[in-house]
N, C-alpha and C. Protein backbone atom coordinates (compact mmCIF):
# COMPACT_ATOMS: atom_id res chain seq x y z
N MET A 1 0.59 -68.77 -2.47
CA MET A 1 -0.12 -67.55 -2.77
C MET A 1 0.91 -66.46 -3.10
N ALA A 2 0.76 -65.85 -4.23
CA ALA A 2 1.69 -64.82 -4.65
C ALA A 2 1.29 -63.50 -4.02
N ARG A 3 2.29 -62.80 -3.58
CA ARG A 3 2.03 -61.48 -3.00
C ARG A 3 2.10 -60.43 -4.09
N GLN A 4 1.08 -59.67 -4.19
CA GLN A 4 1.07 -58.58 -5.15
C GLN A 4 1.23 -57.27 -4.39
N ILE A 5 2.31 -56.65 -4.66
CA ILE A 5 2.59 -55.38 -3.99
C ILE A 5 2.07 -54.26 -4.87
N GLU A 6 1.19 -53.51 -4.32
CA GLU A 6 0.63 -52.38 -5.05
C GLU A 6 1.64 -51.24 -5.02
N PRO A 7 1.94 -50.67 -6.17
CA PRO A 7 2.92 -49.57 -6.15
C PRO A 7 2.36 -48.39 -5.37
N SER A 8 3.17 -47.91 -4.47
CA SER A 8 2.74 -46.76 -3.67
C SER A 8 3.09 -45.48 -4.43
N ARG A 9 2.25 -44.50 -4.22
CA ARG A 9 2.51 -43.22 -4.87
C ARG A 9 3.56 -42.48 -4.06
N SER A 10 4.65 -42.18 -4.71
CA SER A 10 5.69 -41.43 -4.02
C SER A 10 5.42 -39.94 -4.20
N ARG A 11 5.95 -39.17 -3.32
CA ARG A 11 5.79 -37.72 -3.41
C ARG A 11 6.67 -37.18 -4.53
N PRO A 12 6.22 -36.12 -5.18
CA PRO A 12 7.05 -35.54 -6.25
C PRO A 12 8.36 -35.02 -5.68
N PRO A 13 9.36 -34.95 -6.50
CA PRO A 13 10.66 -34.43 -6.02
C PRO A 13 10.51 -33.01 -5.49
N ILE A 14 11.40 -32.67 -4.61
CA ILE A 14 11.34 -31.37 -3.93
C ILE A 14 11.45 -30.22 -4.93
N LEU A 15 12.22 -30.40 -6.00
CA LEU A 15 12.37 -29.33 -6.98
C LEU A 15 11.05 -29.05 -7.70
N ARG A 16 10.34 -30.11 -8.05
CA ARG A 16 9.03 -29.92 -8.71
C ARG A 16 8.04 -29.25 -7.77
N ARG A 17 8.09 -29.61 -6.50
CA ARG A 17 7.20 -28.98 -5.52
C ARG A 17 7.55 -27.51 -5.35
N ALA A 18 8.83 -27.19 -5.36
CA ALA A 18 9.26 -25.80 -5.22
C ALA A 18 8.82 -24.98 -6.43
N VAL A 19 8.96 -25.54 -7.62
CA VAL A 19 8.53 -24.84 -8.84
C VAL A 19 7.02 -24.63 -8.81
N ALA A 20 6.28 -25.64 -8.37
CA ALA A 20 4.82 -25.51 -8.28
C ALA A 20 4.45 -24.42 -7.28
N ALA A 21 5.15 -24.36 -6.16
CA ALA A 21 4.88 -23.33 -5.16
C ALA A 21 5.18 -21.94 -5.73
N LEU A 22 6.28 -21.82 -6.46
CA LEU A 22 6.61 -20.52 -7.06
C LEU A 22 5.57 -20.10 -8.09
N ILE A 23 5.06 -21.05 -8.85
CA ILE A 23 4.02 -20.72 -9.83
C ILE A 23 2.76 -20.26 -9.13
N LEU A 24 2.40 -20.92 -8.04
CA LEU A 24 1.22 -20.49 -7.28
C LEU A 24 1.41 -19.09 -6.69
N VAL A 25 2.59 -18.82 -6.17
CA VAL A 25 2.86 -17.48 -5.62
C VAL A 25 2.80 -16.43 -6.72
N ALA A 26 3.39 -16.72 -7.87
CA ALA A 26 3.37 -15.78 -8.99
C ALA A 26 1.94 -15.52 -9.45
N ALA A 27 1.13 -16.58 -9.53
CA ALA A 27 -0.26 -16.41 -9.94
C ALA A 27 -1.01 -15.56 -8.91
N GLY A 28 -0.75 -15.78 -7.64
CA GLY A 28 -1.39 -14.98 -6.59
C GLY A 28 -1.01 -13.51 -6.68
N VAL A 29 0.25 -13.25 -6.95
CA VAL A 29 0.71 -11.86 -7.08
C VAL A 29 0.05 -11.20 -8.29
N LEU A 30 -0.05 -11.92 -9.39
CA LEU A 30 -0.70 -11.35 -10.58
C LEU A 30 -2.17 -11.07 -10.34
N VAL A 31 -2.86 -11.97 -9.66
CA VAL A 31 -4.28 -11.74 -9.35
C VAL A 31 -4.42 -10.53 -8.43
N PHE A 32 -3.55 -10.44 -7.41
CA PHE A 32 -3.60 -9.28 -6.50
C PHE A 32 -3.34 -7.99 -7.27
N HIS A 33 -2.37 -8.00 -8.17
CA HIS A 33 -2.05 -6.81 -8.96
C HIS A 33 -3.24 -6.42 -9.83
N PHE A 34 -3.88 -7.39 -10.44
CA PHE A 34 -5.04 -7.12 -11.29
C PHE A 34 -6.18 -6.52 -10.48
N ILE A 35 -6.47 -7.09 -9.31
CA ILE A 35 -7.57 -6.58 -8.47
C ILE A 35 -7.24 -5.19 -7.95
N ALA A 36 -5.99 -4.97 -7.55
CA ALA A 36 -5.60 -3.65 -7.08
C ALA A 36 -5.73 -2.62 -8.20
N GLY A 37 -5.37 -3.00 -9.42
CA GLY A 37 -5.52 -2.10 -10.56
C GLY A 37 -6.97 -1.76 -10.83
N LEU A 38 -7.85 -2.74 -10.70
CA LEU A 38 -9.28 -2.47 -10.87
C LEU A 38 -9.79 -1.48 -9.82
N ILE A 39 -9.37 -1.69 -8.58
CA ILE A 39 -9.82 -0.80 -7.50
C ILE A 39 -9.32 0.62 -7.74
N VAL A 40 -8.06 0.76 -8.14
CA VAL A 40 -7.51 2.10 -8.40
C VAL A 40 -8.23 2.74 -9.58
N THR A 41 -8.55 1.97 -10.61
CA THR A 41 -9.26 2.50 -11.77
C THR A 41 -10.64 3.00 -11.37
N VAL A 42 -11.36 2.24 -10.58
CA VAL A 42 -12.69 2.67 -10.11
C VAL A 42 -12.56 3.94 -9.27
N PHE A 43 -11.53 4.00 -8.41
CA PHE A 43 -11.32 5.19 -7.60
C PHE A 43 -11.10 6.42 -8.48
N TRP A 44 -10.27 6.30 -9.52
CA TRP A 44 -10.00 7.45 -10.38
C TRP A 44 -11.23 7.88 -11.16
N ILE A 45 -12.04 6.93 -11.58
CA ILE A 45 -13.28 7.28 -12.29
C ILE A 45 -14.20 8.05 -11.36
N ILE A 46 -14.33 7.58 -10.12
CA ILE A 46 -15.18 8.28 -9.15
C ILE A 46 -14.62 9.67 -8.86
N ALA A 47 -13.29 9.79 -8.75
CA ALA A 47 -12.67 11.09 -8.47
C ALA A 47 -12.91 12.06 -9.62
N VAL A 48 -12.78 11.60 -10.86
CA VAL A 48 -13.00 12.48 -12.02
C VAL A 48 -14.46 12.92 -12.08
N VAL A 49 -15.39 12.00 -11.84
CA VAL A 49 -16.81 12.36 -11.84
C VAL A 49 -17.10 13.37 -10.74
N ALA A 50 -16.50 13.19 -9.56
CA ALA A 50 -16.72 14.14 -8.46
C ALA A 50 -16.17 15.52 -8.80
N VAL A 51 -15.00 15.56 -9.43
CA VAL A 51 -14.42 16.86 -9.82
C VAL A 51 -15.29 17.54 -10.87
N LEU A 52 -15.76 16.78 -11.84
CA LEU A 52 -16.64 17.37 -12.86
C LEU A 52 -17.94 17.88 -12.25
N ALA A 53 -18.49 17.12 -11.31
CA ALA A 53 -19.71 17.57 -10.63
C ALA A 53 -19.44 18.84 -9.83
N ALA A 54 -18.29 18.92 -9.19
CA ALA A 54 -17.94 20.13 -8.43
C ALA A 54 -17.77 21.33 -9.36
N ILE A 55 -17.18 21.11 -10.51
CA ILE A 55 -17.01 22.21 -11.48
C ILE A 55 -18.37 22.70 -11.98
N VAL A 56 -19.26 21.76 -12.31
CA VAL A 56 -20.59 22.16 -12.78
C VAL A 56 -21.35 22.90 -11.69
N TRP A 57 -21.27 22.41 -10.46
CA TRP A 57 -21.96 23.08 -9.36
C TRP A 57 -21.40 24.49 -9.14
N ALA A 58 -20.06 24.62 -9.14
CA ALA A 58 -19.45 25.92 -8.92
C ALA A 58 -19.80 26.90 -10.06
N ALA A 59 -19.83 26.38 -11.30
CA ALA A 59 -20.17 27.25 -12.42
C ALA A 59 -21.62 27.72 -12.29
N ASN A 60 -22.53 26.85 -11.85
CA ASN A 60 -23.93 27.25 -11.66
C ASN A 60 -24.07 28.27 -10.54
N GLU A 61 -23.27 28.17 -9.52
CA GLU A 61 -23.35 29.12 -8.40
C GLU A 61 -22.80 30.49 -8.79
N LEU A 62 -21.76 30.51 -9.62
CA LEU A 62 -21.13 31.78 -9.96
C LEU A 62 -21.89 32.51 -11.08
N PHE A 63 -22.45 31.81 -12.01
CA PHE A 63 -23.06 32.49 -13.16
C PHE A 63 -24.53 32.36 -13.10
């Protein structure tokens, strides 16, 4: 009876794993930066609308 040895899957080399980890970290940082930018943009839009509303209210009170 012939023995058939099934090739085992070896782990990728450490350098490839390190590069993959760095790519994942870079992607995470970019996603975080994008989300933080969206939050800051929404904040500034709300701040500008609040300032404009305050100006309109103050102008109505004075005149």
